[in-house]
Amino acid sequence: MEQPETTHFGYEKVAAHEKAGKVAGVFDSVAGKYDLMNDLMSLGVHRLWKRFAVNIGGVRAGERVLDLAGGTGDLTGRMLPLVGPKGLVILSDINASMLNEGRKRLIDEGAVGNVAYARIDAEQLPFPDNTFDCITIAFGLRNITYKERALAAMHAALKPGGRAVILEFSHPVAPGLKPVYDLYSFSVLPMLGKLVANDATSYRYLAESIRMHPDQETLLQMMEEAGFERCQYFNLTGGIVAVHRGYKF
């Protein structure tokens, strides 16, 4: 399928080949304060979202898991005890600054043996087909230029019976939530970014990128088109966040 020549970087329309570099600039800027800002922005609720995503992933002892766009290692850290010493979790990210933060954090927490690190592009996974039991991606899919390519690559890399879990900001569904959420996103988030990370622009991009991301039903359809079966999603916090899960058979 022919890919579009332009795409969105937040609300800005850019050449498709430029988006990855612009996204890299955002995460190079915020990497050092990423965990602190997550706690401040969500009042700590992001930890519950991630716990839910790991739980529905159903990771078991001895399994091989790929954590895409894994950043500072929140999901990887939760899954390492689940796969145990005979399993493996690969923490991956396309951004070296974020991956370094995750690696330092997990080493500080004593993670050894069943964890590996890889700087990879989610659109072009460097693994043989049928490699992983589970693939996760948390708050990373919306930053990918060609989401369809990433979903297809995830499907190919999963073993039969494997599952993909996508945790991502989505579209509020609770009555009256959207205007409050918009006010918070476009006023409070950039202010927090300026005060804490000295970077309002990157957090304005965050708010814009969420609005440009496919809604719950659209992402579900994209997963099905990529070959996933038994796809479903779970709205969290009124739909501000959704977790999608699909299986490969």
C-alpha atoms as a PDB file:
ATOM      1  CA  MET A   1       0.000   0.000   0.000  1.00  0.00           C
ATOM      2  CA  GLU A   2       1.353   3.419  -0.969  1.00  0.00           C
ATOM      3  CA  GLN A   3       2.164   5.528   2.070  1.00  0.00           C
ATOM      4  CA  PRO A   4       1.239   9.235   2.345  1.00  0.00           C
ATOM      5  CA  GLU A   5       3.974  11.815   1.790  1.00  0.00           C
ATOM      6  CA  THR A   6       2.810  13.949   4.715  1.00  0.00           C
ATOM      7  CA  THR A   7       1.743  13.197   8.271  1.00  0.00           C
ATOM      8  CA  HIS A   8       0.932  15.009  11.479  1.00  0.00           C
ATOM      9  CA  PHE A   9       3.383  16.090  14.148  1.00  0.00           C
ATOM     10  CA  GLY A  10       0.826  17.184  16.698  1.00  0.00           C
ATOM     11  CA  TYR A  11      -1.387  19.608  14.776  1.00  0.00           C
ATOM     12  CA  GLU A  12       1.412  20.501  12.370  1.00  0.00           C
ATOM     13  CA  LYS A  13       1.465  18.826   8.966  1.00  0.00           C
ATOM     14  CA  VAL A  14       5.007  17.710   8.080  1.00  0.00           C
ATOM     15  CA  ALA A  15       6.736  15.580   5.479  1.00  0.00           C
ATOM     16  CA  ALA A  16       6.417  11.943   6.553  1.00  0.00           C
ATOM     17  CA  HIS A  17      10.188  11.452   6.572  1.00  0.00           C
ATOM     18  CA  GLU A  18      10.601  14.343   9.039  1.00  0.00           C
ATOM     19  CA  LYS A  19       8.321  13.077  11.807  1.00  0.00           C
ATOM     20  CA  ALA A  20      10.705  10.560  13.380  1.00  0.00           C
ATOM     21  CA  GLY A  21      13.379  13.219  13.782  1.00  0.00           C
ATOM     22  CA  LYS A  22      10.942  15.679  15.328  1.00  0.00           C
ATOM     23  CA  VAL A  23       9.650  13.055  17.763  1.00  0.00           C
ATOM     24  CA  ALA A  24      13.243  12.179  18.650  1.00  0.00           C
ATOM     25  CA  GLY A  25      13.850  15.814  19.521  1.00  0.00           C
ATOM     26  CA  VAL A  26      10.888  15.789  21.894  1.00  0.00           C
ATOM     27  CA  PHE A  27      12.070  12.722  23.776  1.00  0.00           C
ATOM     28  CA  ASP A  28      15.710  13.785  23.847  1.00  0.00           C
ATOM     29  CA  SER A  29      14.449  16.904  25.598  1.00  0.00           C
ATOM     30  CA  VAL A  30      12.167  15.236  28.148  1.00  0.00           C
ATOM     31  CA  ALA A  31      14.004  11.964  28.905  1.00  0.00           C
ATOM     32  CA  GLY A  32      15.625  13.128  32.138  1.00  0.00           C
ATOM     33  CA  LYS A  33      12.339  14.326  33.647  1.00  0.00           C
ATOM     34  CA  TYR A  34      10.055  11.794  31.978  1.00  0.00           C
ATOM     35  CA  ASP A  35       9.151   9.719  35.039  1.00  0.00           C
ATOM     36  CA  LEU A  36       8.645  12.763  37.269  1.00  0.00           C
ATOM     37  CA  MET A  37       6.430  14.423  34.685  1.00  0.00           C
ATOM     38  CA  ASN A  38       4.349  11.248  34.283  1.00  0.00           C
ATOM     39  CA  ASP A  39       3.644  11.256  38.006  1.00  0.00           C
ATOM     40  CA  LEU A  40       2.784  14.957  38.022  1.00  0.00           C
ATOM     41  CA  MET A  41       0.654  14.899  34.872  1.00  0.00           C
ATOM     42  CA  SER A  42      -1.438  11.897  35.893  1.00  0.00           C
ATOM     43  CA  LEU A  43      -1.263  12.364  39.666  1.00  0.00           C
ATOM     44  CA  GLY A  44       0.329   8.916  39.743  1.00  0.00           C
ATOM     45  CA  VAL A  45      -2.584   7.209  37.974  1.00  0.00           C
ATOM     46  CA  HIS A  46      -0.315   6.145  35.075  1.00  0.00           C
ATOM     47  CA  ARG A  47       1.007   3.435  37.381  1.00  0.00           C
ATOM     48  CA  LEU A  48      -2.478   1.905  37.633  1.00  0.00           C
ATOM     49  CA  TRP A  49      -2.936   2.102  33.849  1.00  0.00           C
ATOM     50  CA  LYS A  50       0.344   0.264  33.321  1.00  0.00           C
ATOM     51  CA  ARG A  51      -0.489  -2.351  35.930  1.00  0.00           C
ATOM     52  CA  PHE A  52      -3.791  -3.021  34.164  1.00  0.00           C
ATOM     53  CA  ALA A  53      -2.037  -3.352  30.785  1.00  0.00           C
ATOM     54  CA  VAL A  54       0.445  -5.863  32.184  1.00  0.00           C
ATOM     55  CA  ASN A  55      -2.337  -7.832  33.847  1.00  0.00           C
ATOM     56  CA  ILE A  56      -4.338  -8.273  30.646  1.00  0.00           C
ATOM     57  CA  GLY A  57      -1.155  -9.237  28.816  1.00  0.00           C
ATOM     58  CA  GLY A  58      -1.220 -12.453  30.829  1.00  0.00           C
ATOM     59  CA  VAL A  59       2.565 -12.815  30.819  1.00  0.00           C
ATOM     60  CA  ARG A  60       3.696 -16.136  32.305  1.00  0.00           C
ATOM     61  CA  ALA A  61       6.904 -17.776  33.471  1.00  0.00           C
ATOM     62  CA  GLY A  62       9.340 -18.662  30.705  1.00  0.00           C
ATOM     63  CA  GLU A  63       7.783 -16.409  28.054  1.00  0.00           C
ATOM     64  CA  ARG A  64       9.580 -14.039  25.687  1.00  0.00           C
ATOM     65  CA  VAL A  65       8.227 -10.493  25.680  1.00  0.00           C
ATOM     66  CA  LEU A  66       9.051  -7.430  23.587  1.00  0.00           C
ATOM     67  CA  ASP A  67       8.322  -4.068  25.205  1.00  0.00           C
ATOM     68  CA  LEU A  68       8.214  -1.607  22.306  1.00  0.00           C
ATOM     69  CA  ALA A  69       8.766   2.115  22.891  1.00  0.00           C
ATOM     70  CA  GLY A  70       9.475   0.984  26.435  1.00  0.00           C
ATOM     71  CA  GLY A  71      11.212   4.198  27.431  1.00  0.00           C
ATOM     72  CA  THR A  72      12.189   4.267  31.077  1.00  0.00           C
ATOM     73  CA  GLY A  73      11.149   0.662  31.640  1.00  0.00           C
ATOM     74  CA  ASP A  74       7.893   0.852  33.594  1.00  0.00           C
ATOM     75  CA  LEU A  75       6.256  -2.100  31.845  1.00  0.00           C
ATOM     76  CA  THR A  76       9.479  -4.075  31.537  1.00  0.00           C
ATOM     77  CA  GLY A  77      10.109  -3.736  35.275  1.00  0.00           C
ATOM     78  CA  ARG A  78       6.651  -5.103  36.012  1.00  0.00           C
ATOM     79  CA  MET A  79       7.005  -8.035  33.616  1.00  0.00           C
ATOM     80  CA  LEU A  80      10.456  -9.291  34.625  1.00  0.00           C
ATOM     81  CA  PRO A  81       9.203 -11.076  37.780  1.00  0.00           C
ATOM     82  CA  LEU A  82       6.386 -12.611  35.727  1.00  0.00           C
ATOM     83  CA  VAL A  83       8.627 -14.213  33.073  1.00  0.00           C
ATOM     84  CA  GLY A  84      11.044 -15.385  35.771  1.00  0.00           C
ATOM     85  CA  PRO A  85      14.650 -16.489  35.305  1.00  0.00           C
ATOM     86  CA  LYS A  86      13.845 -18.688  32.290  1.00  0.00           C
ATOM     87  CA  GLY A  87      11.969 -15.950  30.447  1.00  0.00           C
ATOM     88  CA  LEU A  88      13.120 -12.781  28.706  1.00  0.00           C
ATOM     89  CA  VAL A  89      11.853  -9.230  28.357  1.00  0.00           C
ATOM     90  CA  ILE A  90      13.460  -6.977  25.755  1.00  0.00           C
ATOM     91  CA  LEU A  91      13.197  -3.292  26.605  1.00  0.00           C
ATOM     92  CA  SER A  92      13.293  -1.441  23.306  1.00  0.00           C
ATOM     93  CA  ASP A  93      12.972   2.126  22.132  1.00  0.00           C
ATOM     94  CA  ILE A  94      13.934   4.016  18.994  1.00  0.00           C
ATOM     95  CA  ASN A  95      15.187   6.894  21.149  1.00  0.00           C
ATOM     96  CA  ALA A  96      18.641   6.374  22.666  1.00  0.00           C
ATOM     97  CA  SER A  97      18.079   8.909  25.463  1.00  0.00           C
ATOM     98  CA  MET A  98      14.936   7.180  26.662  1.00  0.00           C
ATOM     99  CA  LEU A  99      16.466   3.710  26.337  1.00  0.00           C
ATOM    100  CA  ASN A 100      19.492   4.792  28.364  1.00  0.00           C
ATOM    101  CA  GLU A 101      17.215   6.097  31.113  1.00  0.00           C
ATOM    102  CA  GLY A 102      15.361   2.773  31.181  1.00  0.00           C
ATOM    103  CA  ARG A 103      18.545   0.744  31.226  1.00  0.00           C
ATOM    104  CA  LYS A 104      20.020   2.771  34.103  1.00  0.00           C
ATOM    105  CA  ARG A 105      16.805   2.484  36.073  1.00  0.00           C
ATOM    106  CA  LEU A 106      16.465  -1.283  35.691  1.00  0.00           C
ATOM    107  CA  ILE A 107      20.145  -1.868  36.505  1.00  0.00           C
ATOM    108  CA  ASP A 108      19.700   0.261  39.626  1.00  0.00           C
ATOM    109  CA  GLU A 109      16.739  -1.938  40.548  1.00  0.00           C
ATOM    110  CA  GLY A 110      18.890  -5.057  40.186  1.00  0.00           C
ATOM    111  CA  ALA A 111      17.467  -6.383  36.920  1.00  0.00           C
ATOM    112  CA  VAL A 112      19.889  -8.895  35.389  1.00  0.00           C
ATOM    113  CA  GLY A 113      19.742 -12.121  33.419  1.00  0.00           C
ATOM    114  CA  ASN A 114      16.232 -12.052  32.006  1.00  0.00           C
ATOM    115  CA  VAL A 115      16.304  -8.566  30.468  1.00  0.00           C
ATOM    116  CA  ALA A 116      17.889  -7.244  27.275  1.00  0.00           C
ATOM    117  CA  TYR A 117      17.994  -3.829  25.636  1.00  0.00           C
ATOM    118  CA  ALA A 118      17.565  -2.906  21.979  1.00  0.00           C
ATOM    119  CA  ARG A 119      17.323   0.344  20.068  1.00  0.00           C
ATOM    120  CA  ILE A 120      14.839  -0.490  17.336  1.00  0.00           C
ATOM    121  CA  ASP A 121      12.230   1.037  15.059  1.00  0.00           C
ATOM    122  CA  ALA A 122       8.776  -0.406  15.752  1.00  0.00           C
ATOM    123  CA  GLU A 123       7.970  -0.242  12.035  1.00  0.00           C
ATOM    124  CA  GLN A 124      10.867  -2.580  11.178  1.00  0.00           C
ATOM    125  CA  LEU A 125      11.367  -5.169  13.886  1.00  0.00           C
ATOM    126  CA  PRO A 126      14.715  -6.992  13.541  1.00  0.00           C
ATOM    127  CA  PHE A 127      13.385 -10.332  14.769  1.00  0.00           C
ATOM    128  CA  PRO A 128      12.295 -13.506  12.979  1.00  0.00           C
ATOM    129  CA  ASP A 129       8.584 -14.171  12.658  1.00  0.00           C
ATOM    130  CA  ASN A 130       6.978 -16.095  15.530  1.00  0.00           C
ATOM    131  CA  THR A 131       9.504 -14.972  18.158  1.00  0.00           C
ATOM    132  CA  PHE A 132       7.479 -13.484  21.034  1.00  0.00           C
ATOM    133  CA  ASP A 133       4.663 -14.613  23.286  1.00  0.00           C
ATOM    134  CA  CYS A 134       3.622 -11.046  24.043  1.00  0.00           C
ATOM    135  CA  ILE A 135       4.399  -7.595  22.642  1.00  0.00           C
ATOM    136  CA  THR A 136       3.534  -4.459  24.581  1.00  0.00           C
ATOM    137  CA  ILE A 137       3.643  -0.792  23.650  1.00  0.00           C
ATOM    138  CA  ALA A 138       2.662   1.904  26.148  1.00  0.00           C
ATOM    139  CA  PHE A 139       2.156   5.507  25.075  1.00  0.00           C
ATOM    140  CA  GLY A 140       4.301   4.981  21.995  1.00  0.00           C
ATOM    141  CA  LEU A 141       2.018   4.075  19.106  1.00  0.00           C
ATOM    142  CA  ARG A 142       0.787   7.620  18.542  1.00  0.00           C
ATOM    143  CA  ASN A 143       4.375   8.782  17.894  1.00  0.00           C
ATOM    144  CA  ILE A 144       4.946   6.262  15.097  1.00  0.00           C
ATOM    145  CA  THR A 145       4.701   7.645  11.571  1.00  0.00           C
ATOM    146  CA  TYR A 146       3.183   4.576   9.908  1.00  0.00           C
ATOM    147  CA  LYS A 147       1.119   2.860  12.577  1.00  0.00           C
ATOM    148  CA  GLU A 148      -0.118   0.212  10.138  1.00  0.00           C
ATOM    149  CA  ARG A 149       3.461  -0.922   9.514  1.00  0.00           C
ATOM    150  CA  ALA A 150       4.121  -1.188  13.240  1.00  0.00           C
ATOM    151  CA  LEU A 151       0.971  -3.220  13.841  1.00  0.00           C
ATOM    152  CA  ALA A 152       1.834  -5.576  10.975  1.00  0.00           C
ATOM    153  CA  ALA A 153       5.389  -5.971  12.286  1.00  0.00           C
ATOM    154  CA  MET A 154       4.069  -6.764  15.763  1.00  0.00           C
ATOM    155  CA  HIS A 155       1.701  -9.375  14.359  1.00  0.00           C
ATOM    156  CA  ALA A 156       4.486 -11.048  12.365  1.00  0.00           C
ATOM    157  CA  ALA A 157       6.855 -11.165  15.344  1.00  0.00           C
ATOM    158  CA  LEU A 158       4.319 -12.857  17.621  1.00  0.00           C
ATOM    159  CA  LYS A 159       4.069 -16.615  17.972  1.00  0.00           C
ATOM    160  CA  PRO A 160       0.727 -18.245  17.201  1.00  0.00           C
ATOM    161  CA  GLY A 161      -1.327 -17.711  20.337  1.00  0.00           C
ATOM    162  CA  GLY A 162       0.671 -14.594  21.169  1.00  0.00           C
ATOM    163  CA  ARG A 163      -0.940 -11.319  22.079  1.00  0.00           C
ATOM    164  CA  ALA A 164      -0.299  -7.625  21.580  1.00  0.00           C
ATOM    165  CA  VAL A 165      -1.187  -5.086  24.254  1.00  0.00           C
ATOM    166  CA  ILE A 166      -1.395  -1.408  23.354  1.00  0.00           C
ATOM    167  CA  LEU A 167      -1.753   1.168  26.136  1.00  0.00           C
ATOM    168  CA  GLU A 168      -2.381   4.633  24.732  1.00  0.00           C
ATOM    169  CA  PHE A 169      -4.119   7.909  25.354  1.00  0.00           C
ATOM    170  CA  SER A 170      -7.487   7.855  23.644  1.00  0.00           C
ATOM    171  CA  HIS A 171     -10.738   9.790  23.357  1.00  0.00           C
ATOM    172  CA  PRO A 172     -12.816  10.564  26.479  1.00  0.00           C
ATOM    173  CA  VAL A 173     -16.212   8.879  26.562  1.00  0.00           C
ATOM    174  CA  ALA A 174     -17.471   9.865  30.023  1.00  0.00           C
ATOM    175  CA  PRO A 175     -20.139  12.608  29.858  1.00  0.00           C
ATOM    176  CA  GLY A 176     -18.728  16.091  30.429  1.00  0.00           C
ATOM    177  CA  LEU A 177     -15.121  14.918  30.597  1.00  0.00           C
ATOM    178  CA  LYS A 178     -13.850  16.213  27.246  1.00  0.00           C
ATOM    179  CA  PRO A 179     -13.937  20.002  27.936  1.00  0.00           C
ATOM    180  CA  VAL A 180     -12.291  19.550  31.323  1.00  0.00           C
ATOM    181  CA  TYR A 181      -9.642  17.283  29.802  1.00  0.00           C
ATOM    182  CA  ASP A 182      -8.994  19.738  26.967  1.00  0.00           C
ATOM    183  CA  LEU A 183      -8.549  22.608  29.409  1.00  0.00           C
ATOM    184  CA  TYR A 184      -6.110  20.548  31.456  1.00  0.00           C
ATOM    185  CA  SER A 185      -4.197  19.321  28.401  1.00  0.00           C
ATOM    186  CA  PHE A 186      -3.666  22.676  26.717  1.00  0.00           C
ATOM    187  CA  SER A 187      -3.237  24.857  29.800  1.00  0.00           C
ATOM    188  CA  VAL A 188      -1.863  22.822  32.695  1.00  0.00           C
ATOM    189  CA  LEU A 189       0.385  20.361  30.823  1.00  0.00           C
ATOM    190  CA  PRO A 190       2.494  22.975  28.985  1.00  0.00           C
ATOM    191  CA  MET A 191       2.794  24.956  32.221  1.00  0.00           C
ATOM    192  CA  LEU A 192       4.023  21.863  34.092  1.00  0.00           C
ATOM    193  CA  GLY A 193       6.435  21.160  31.256  1.00  0.00           C
ATOM    194  CA  LYS A 194       7.829  24.660  31.497  1.00  0.00           C
ATOM    195  CA  LEU A 195       8.173  24.618  35.279  1.00  0.00           C
ATOM    196  CA  VAL A 196       9.552  21.098  35.736  1.00  0.00           C
ATOM    197  CA  ALA A 197      11.299  20.199  32.478  1.00  0.00           C
ATOM    198  CA  ASN A 198      11.869  23.715  31.118  1.00  0.00           C
ATOM    199  CA  ASP A 199      10.069  22.596  27.965  1.00  0.00           C
ATOM    200  CA  ALA A 200       6.502  23.719  27.335  1.00  0.00           C
ATOM    201  CA  THR A 201       6.686  22.962  23.608  1.00  0.00           C
ATOM    202  CA  SER A 202       7.212  19.218  23.989  1.00  0.00           C
ATOM    203  CA  TYR A 203       4.236  18.916  26.314  1.00  0.00           C
ATOM    204  CA  ARG A 204       2.075  20.936  23.962  1.00  0.00           C
ATOM    205  CA  TYR A 205       3.034  18.379  21.308  1.00  0.00           C
ATOM    206  CA  LEU A 206       1.966  15.642  23.726  1.00  0.00           C
ATOM    207  CA  ALA A 207      -1.521  17.140  24.018  1.00  0.00           C
ATOM    208  CA  GLU A 208      -1.808  17.632  20.257  1.00  0.00           C
ATOM    209  CA  SER A 209      -0.544  14.149  19.400  1.00  0.00           C
ATOM    210  CA  ILE A 210      -3.205  12.612  21.616  1.00  0.00           C
ATOM    211  CA  ARG A 211      -5.945  14.422  19.698  1.00  0.00           C
ATOM    212  CA  MET A 212      -4.549  13.224  16.362  1.00  0.00           C
ATOM    213  CA  HIS A 213      -4.353   9.580  17.483  1.00  0.00           C
ATOM    214  CA  PRO A 214      -7.085   7.202  16.243  1.00  0.00           C
ATOM    215  CA  ASP A 215     -10.022   6.721  18.588  1.00  0.00           C
ATOM    216  CA  GLN A 216     -10.798   3.424  20.269  1.00  0.00           C
ATOM    217  CA  GLU A 217     -12.888   1.891  17.493  1.00  0.00           C
ATOM    218  CA  THR A 218     -10.552   3.052  14.725  1.00  0.00           C
ATOM    219  CA  LEU A 219      -7.517   1.506  16.422  1.00  0.00           C
ATOM    220  CA  LEU A 220      -9.471  -1.712  16.960  1.00  0.00           C
ATOM    221  CA  GLN A 221     -10.197  -1.849  13.232  1.00  0.00           C
ATOM    222  CA  MET A 222      -6.532  -1.144  12.406  1.00  0.00           C
ATOM    223  CA  MET A 223      -5.492  -4.094  14.565  1.00  0.00           C
ATOM    224  CA  GLU A 224      -7.965  -6.366  12.802  1.00  0.00           C
ATOM    225  CA  GLU A 225      -6.696  -5.202   9.408  1.00  0.00           C
ATOM    226  CA  ALA A 226      -3.156  -6.071  10.555  1.00  0.00           C
ATOM    227  CA  GLY A 227      -4.301  -9.663  11.181  1.00  0.00           C
ATOM    228  CA  PHE A 228      -5.088  -9.637  14.893  1.00  0.00           C
ATOM    229  CA  GLU A 229      -8.089 -11.594  16.125  1.00  0.00           C
ATOM    230  CA  ARG A 230     -10.325 -11.435  19.204  1.00  0.00           C
ATOM    231  CA  CYS A 231      -9.486  -7.739  19.459  1.00  0.00           C
ATOM    232  CA  GLN A 232     -11.010  -5.725  22.265  1.00  0.00           C
ATOM    233  CA  TYR A 233     -10.323  -2.581  24.224  1.00  0.00           C
ATOM    234  CA  PHE A 234     -10.810  -1.394  27.770  1.00  0.00           C
ATOM    235  CA  ASN A 235     -11.479   2.257  28.583  1.00  0.00           C
ATOM    236  CA  LEU A 236      -9.711   3.581  31.662  1.00  0.00           C
ATOM    237  CA  THR A 237     -10.346   6.883  33.456  1.00  0.00           C
ATOM    238  CA  GLY A 238     -13.354   7.670  31.312  1.00  0.00           C
ATOM    239  CA  GLY A 239     -11.597   6.884  28.046  1.00  0.00           C
ATOM    240  CA  ILE A 240      -8.679   9.253  28.582  1.00  0.00           C
ATOM    241  CA  VAL A 241      -6.652   6.078  28.204  1.00  0.00           C
ATOM    242  CA  ALA A 242      -7.541   2.804  26.499  1.00  0.00           C
ATOM    243  CA  VAL A 243      -5.864  -0.588  26.470  1.00  0.00           C
ATOM    244  CA  HIS A 244      -6.275  -2.627  23.291  1.00  0.00           C
ATOM    245  CA  ARG A 245      -5.494  -6.342  23.100  1.00  0.00           C
ATOM    246  CA  GLY A 246      -5.377  -8.636  20.108  1.00  0.00           C
ATOM    247  CA  TYR A 247      -4.225 -12.201  19.453  1.00  0.00           C
ATOM    248  CA  LYS A 248      -2.357 -13.928  16.659  1.00  0.00           C
ATOM    249  CA  PHE A 249      -3.689 -17.355  15.697  1.00  0.00           C
END
